[in-house]
N, C-alpha and C. Protein backbone atom coordinates (compact mmCIF):
# COMPACT_ATOMS: atom_id res chain seq x y z
N MET A 1 10.28 8.72 -9.06
CA MET A 1 9.56 9.11 -7.86
C MET A 1 9.06 10.55 -8.02
N THR A 2 8.04 10.82 -7.27
CA THR A 2 7.47 12.16 -7.26
C THR A 2 7.16 12.56 -5.82
N ILE A 3 6.40 13.63 -5.67
CA ILE A 3 5.94 14.11 -4.38
C ILE A 3 7.10 14.25 -3.40
N ALA A 4 7.87 15.31 -3.59
CA ALA A 4 8.99 15.61 -2.69
C ALA A 4 9.79 14.35 -2.41
N ASP A 5 10.60 13.97 -3.38
CA ASP A 5 11.32 12.70 -3.33
C ASP A 5 11.90 12.36 -1.97
N GLY A 6 12.46 13.32 -1.27
CA GLY A 6 13.04 13.04 0.04
C GLY A 6 12.00 12.53 1.03
N GLN A 7 10.84 13.16 1.04
CA GLN A 7 9.78 12.73 1.94
C GLN A 7 9.25 11.36 1.54
N LEU A 8 9.11 11.14 0.25
CA LEU A 8 8.63 9.84 -0.22
C LEU A 8 9.62 8.75 0.15
N ARG A 9 10.89 9.00 -0.03
CA ARG A 9 11.90 8.01 0.34
C ARG A 9 11.87 7.71 1.83
N MET A 10 11.72 8.75 2.65
CA MET A 10 11.64 8.54 4.10
C MET A 10 10.41 7.71 4.47
N ALA A 11 9.28 8.03 3.85
CA ALA A 11 8.06 7.29 4.15
C ALA A 11 8.18 5.83 3.73
N LEU A 12 8.73 5.59 2.54
CA LEU A 12 8.92 4.21 2.08
C LEU A 12 9.86 3.45 2.99
N ALA A 13 10.95 4.07 3.39
CA ALA A 13 11.90 3.41 4.29
C ALA A 13 11.24 3.06 5.62
N ALA A 14 10.45 4.00 6.16
CA ALA A 14 9.79 3.75 7.44
C ALA A 14 8.76 2.62 7.33
N LEU A 15 8.00 2.62 6.23
CA LEU A 15 7.02 1.56 6.03
C LEU A 15 7.69 0.20 5.86
N ARG A 16 8.75 0.16 5.09
CA ARG A 16 9.48 -1.10 4.88
C ARG A 16 10.08 -1.60 6.18
N GLU A 17 10.60 -0.69 6.98
CA GLU A 17 11.16 -1.07 8.28
C GLU A 17 10.07 -1.63 9.19
N ALA A 18 8.91 -0.99 9.20
CA ALA A 18 7.80 -1.45 10.03
C ALA A 18 7.32 -2.83 9.57
N ILE A 19 7.23 -3.03 8.27
CA ILE A 19 6.81 -4.33 7.74
C ILE A 19 7.81 -5.41 8.13
N GLN A 20 9.09 -5.12 7.97
CA GLN A 20 10.12 -6.09 8.32
C GLN A 20 10.09 -6.40 9.82
N SER A 21 9.88 -5.38 10.63
CA SER A 21 9.79 -5.58 12.08
C SER A 21 8.62 -6.49 12.43
N CYS A 22 7.48 -6.25 11.81
CA CYS A 22 6.31 -7.11 12.06
C CYS A 22 6.58 -8.54 11.62
N ARG A 23 7.17 -8.72 10.46
CA ARG A 23 7.48 -10.06 9.97
C ARG A 23 8.44 -10.78 10.92
N SER A 24 9.42 -10.06 11.42
CA SER A 24 10.39 -10.68 12.32
C SER A 24 9.75 -11.09 13.65
N LYS A 25 8.60 -10.49 13.95
CA LYS A 25 7.84 -10.84 15.17
C LYS A 25 6.77 -11.88 14.89
N GLY A 26 6.75 -12.40 13.66
CA GLY A 26 5.81 -13.45 13.31
C GLY A 26 4.49 -13.01 12.75
N VAL A 27 4.33 -11.73 12.45
CA VAL A 27 3.08 -11.25 11.85
C VAL A 27 3.07 -11.69 10.39
N GLY A 28 2.01 -12.35 9.99
CA GLY A 28 1.90 -12.86 8.63
C GLY A 28 1.55 -11.79 7.61
N ASP A 29 1.82 -12.12 6.35
CA ASP A 29 1.56 -11.16 5.28
C ASP A 29 0.08 -10.82 5.13
N GLU A 30 -0.81 -11.76 5.41
CA GLU A 30 -2.24 -11.46 5.30
C GLU A 30 -2.62 -10.39 6.32
N ALA A 31 -2.16 -10.54 7.56
CA ALA A 31 -2.44 -9.54 8.60
C ALA A 31 -1.79 -8.21 8.24
N LEU A 32 -0.58 -8.25 7.70
CA LEU A 32 0.10 -7.02 7.28
C LEU A 32 -0.67 -6.32 6.17
N GLY A 33 -1.14 -7.10 5.21
CA GLY A 33 -1.91 -6.52 4.11
C GLY A 33 -3.20 -5.88 4.60
N GLN A 34 -3.89 -6.56 5.51
CA GLN A 34 -5.12 -6.00 6.05
C GLN A 34 -4.86 -4.73 6.84
N ALA A 35 -3.80 -4.74 7.65
CA ALA A 35 -3.47 -3.56 8.44
C ALA A 35 -3.08 -2.40 7.53
N ALA A 36 -2.31 -2.69 6.48
CA ALA A 36 -1.89 -1.65 5.55
C ALA A 36 -3.09 -1.00 4.87
N MET A 37 -4.03 -1.83 4.42
CA MET A 37 -5.22 -1.28 3.76
C MET A 37 -6.08 -0.50 4.74
N THR A 38 -6.19 -0.97 5.98
CA THR A 38 -6.97 -0.27 6.99
C THR A 38 -6.42 1.13 7.23
N GLU A 39 -5.11 1.25 7.23
CA GLU A 39 -4.48 2.56 7.42
C GLU A 39 -4.46 3.38 6.13
N ALA A 40 -4.26 2.73 5.00
CA ALA A 40 -4.08 3.44 3.74
C ALA A 40 -5.39 4.00 3.18
N MET A 41 -6.48 3.30 3.33
CA MET A 41 -7.72 3.73 2.69
C MET A 41 -8.17 5.12 3.13
N PRO A 42 -8.27 5.40 4.42
CA PRO A 42 -8.67 6.77 4.81
C PRO A 42 -7.68 7.82 4.32
N LEU A 43 -6.40 7.48 4.32
CA LEU A 43 -5.38 8.42 3.85
C LEU A 43 -5.53 8.69 2.36
N LEU A 44 -5.73 7.63 1.56
CA LEU A 44 -5.91 7.80 0.12
C LEU A 44 -7.14 8.67 -0.18
N VAL A 45 -8.23 8.41 0.53
CA VAL A 45 -9.46 9.18 0.31
C VAL A 45 -9.23 10.63 0.71
N SER A 46 -8.52 10.84 1.80
CA SER A 46 -8.24 12.21 2.27
C SER A 46 -7.37 12.97 1.28
N VAL A 47 -6.36 12.31 0.74
CA VAL A 47 -5.41 12.97 -0.15
C VAL A 47 -5.98 13.12 -1.56
N TYR A 48 -6.61 12.08 -2.09
CA TYR A 48 -7.01 12.07 -3.50
C TYR A 48 -8.50 12.20 -3.75
N GLY A 49 -9.30 12.07 -2.70
CA GLY A 49 -10.75 12.09 -2.86
C GLY A 49 -11.26 10.69 -3.15
N PRO A 50 -12.55 10.47 -2.90
CA PRO A 50 -13.09 9.11 -3.04
C PRO A 50 -13.07 8.56 -4.46
N GLU A 51 -13.32 9.40 -5.44
CA GLU A 51 -13.37 8.89 -6.82
C GLU A 51 -11.99 8.44 -7.29
N ARG A 52 -11.00 9.28 -7.05
CA ARG A 52 -9.64 8.94 -7.50
C ARG A 52 -9.08 7.75 -6.70
N ALA A 53 -9.35 7.73 -5.41
CA ALA A 53 -8.90 6.60 -4.60
C ALA A 53 -9.53 5.31 -5.11
N SER A 54 -10.80 5.36 -5.44
CA SER A 54 -11.49 4.20 -5.99
C SER A 54 -10.88 3.77 -7.32
N ALA A 55 -10.58 4.73 -8.18
CA ALA A 55 -9.96 4.42 -9.47
C ALA A 55 -8.58 3.78 -9.28
N MET A 56 -7.84 4.26 -8.29
CA MET A 56 -6.52 3.68 -8.02
C MET A 56 -6.66 2.22 -7.60
N LEU A 57 -7.63 1.94 -6.75
CA LEU A 57 -7.84 0.55 -6.31
C LEU A 57 -8.32 -0.34 -7.45
N ARG A 58 -9.17 0.20 -8.31
CA ARG A 58 -9.60 -0.58 -9.48
C ARG A 58 -8.40 -0.91 -10.36
N GLY A 59 -7.52 0.06 -10.55
CA GLY A 59 -6.31 -0.18 -11.33
C GLY A 59 -5.44 -1.26 -10.71
N LEU A 60 -5.29 -1.22 -9.40
CA LEU A 60 -4.51 -2.26 -8.72
C LEU A 60 -5.18 -3.62 -8.85
N SER A 61 -6.51 -3.63 -8.76
CA SER A 61 -7.25 -4.87 -8.92
C SER A 61 -7.06 -5.45 -10.31
N ASP A 62 -7.12 -4.59 -11.31
CA ASP A 62 -6.90 -5.05 -12.69
C ASP A 62 -5.50 -5.61 -12.87
N LEU A 63 -4.52 -4.94 -12.30
CA LEU A 63 -3.14 -5.40 -12.39
C LEU A 63 -2.97 -6.73 -11.68
N ALA A 64 -3.58 -6.88 -10.52
CA ALA A 64 -3.50 -8.14 -9.78
C ALA A 64 -4.13 -9.28 -10.57
N ALA A 65 -5.24 -9.00 -11.24
CA ALA A 65 -5.90 -10.03 -12.04
C ALA A 65 -5.01 -10.49 -13.19
N VAL A 66 -4.33 -9.55 -13.83
CA VAL A 66 -3.41 -9.89 -14.92
C VAL A 66 -2.27 -10.74 -14.39
N GLU A 67 -1.72 -10.35 -13.25
CA GLU A 67 -0.61 -11.11 -12.65
C GLU A 67 -1.06 -12.52 -12.27
N LEU A 68 -2.28 -12.63 -11.74
CA LEU A 68 -2.80 -13.93 -11.35
C LEU A 68 -2.92 -14.84 -12.57
N GLU A 69 -3.38 -14.29 -13.69
CA GLU A 69 -3.51 -15.08 -14.92
C GLU A 69 -2.16 -15.58 -15.42
N ARG A 70 -1.10 -14.81 -15.17
CA ARG A 70 0.24 -15.19 -15.63
C ARG A 70 0.79 -16.36 -14.85
N HIS A 71 0.28 -16.57 -13.64
CA HIS A 71 0.83 -17.64 -12.79
C HIS A 71 -0.06 -18.80 -12.76
């Protein structure tokens, strides 16, 4: 982990708790994924800039494609 490990751990715990809470209320993973991206995209662009945020998403897309091929 990086970026002030304590803060990162707190943020991860809070996000995981929120996701679990939504799931327990019947919110589906597709809606959760869309909500997460809706919130994450402006934050990523703000923190890393548009070019780096775009590169991060391309990397995730490439990784997802590889995983899809494996299954």
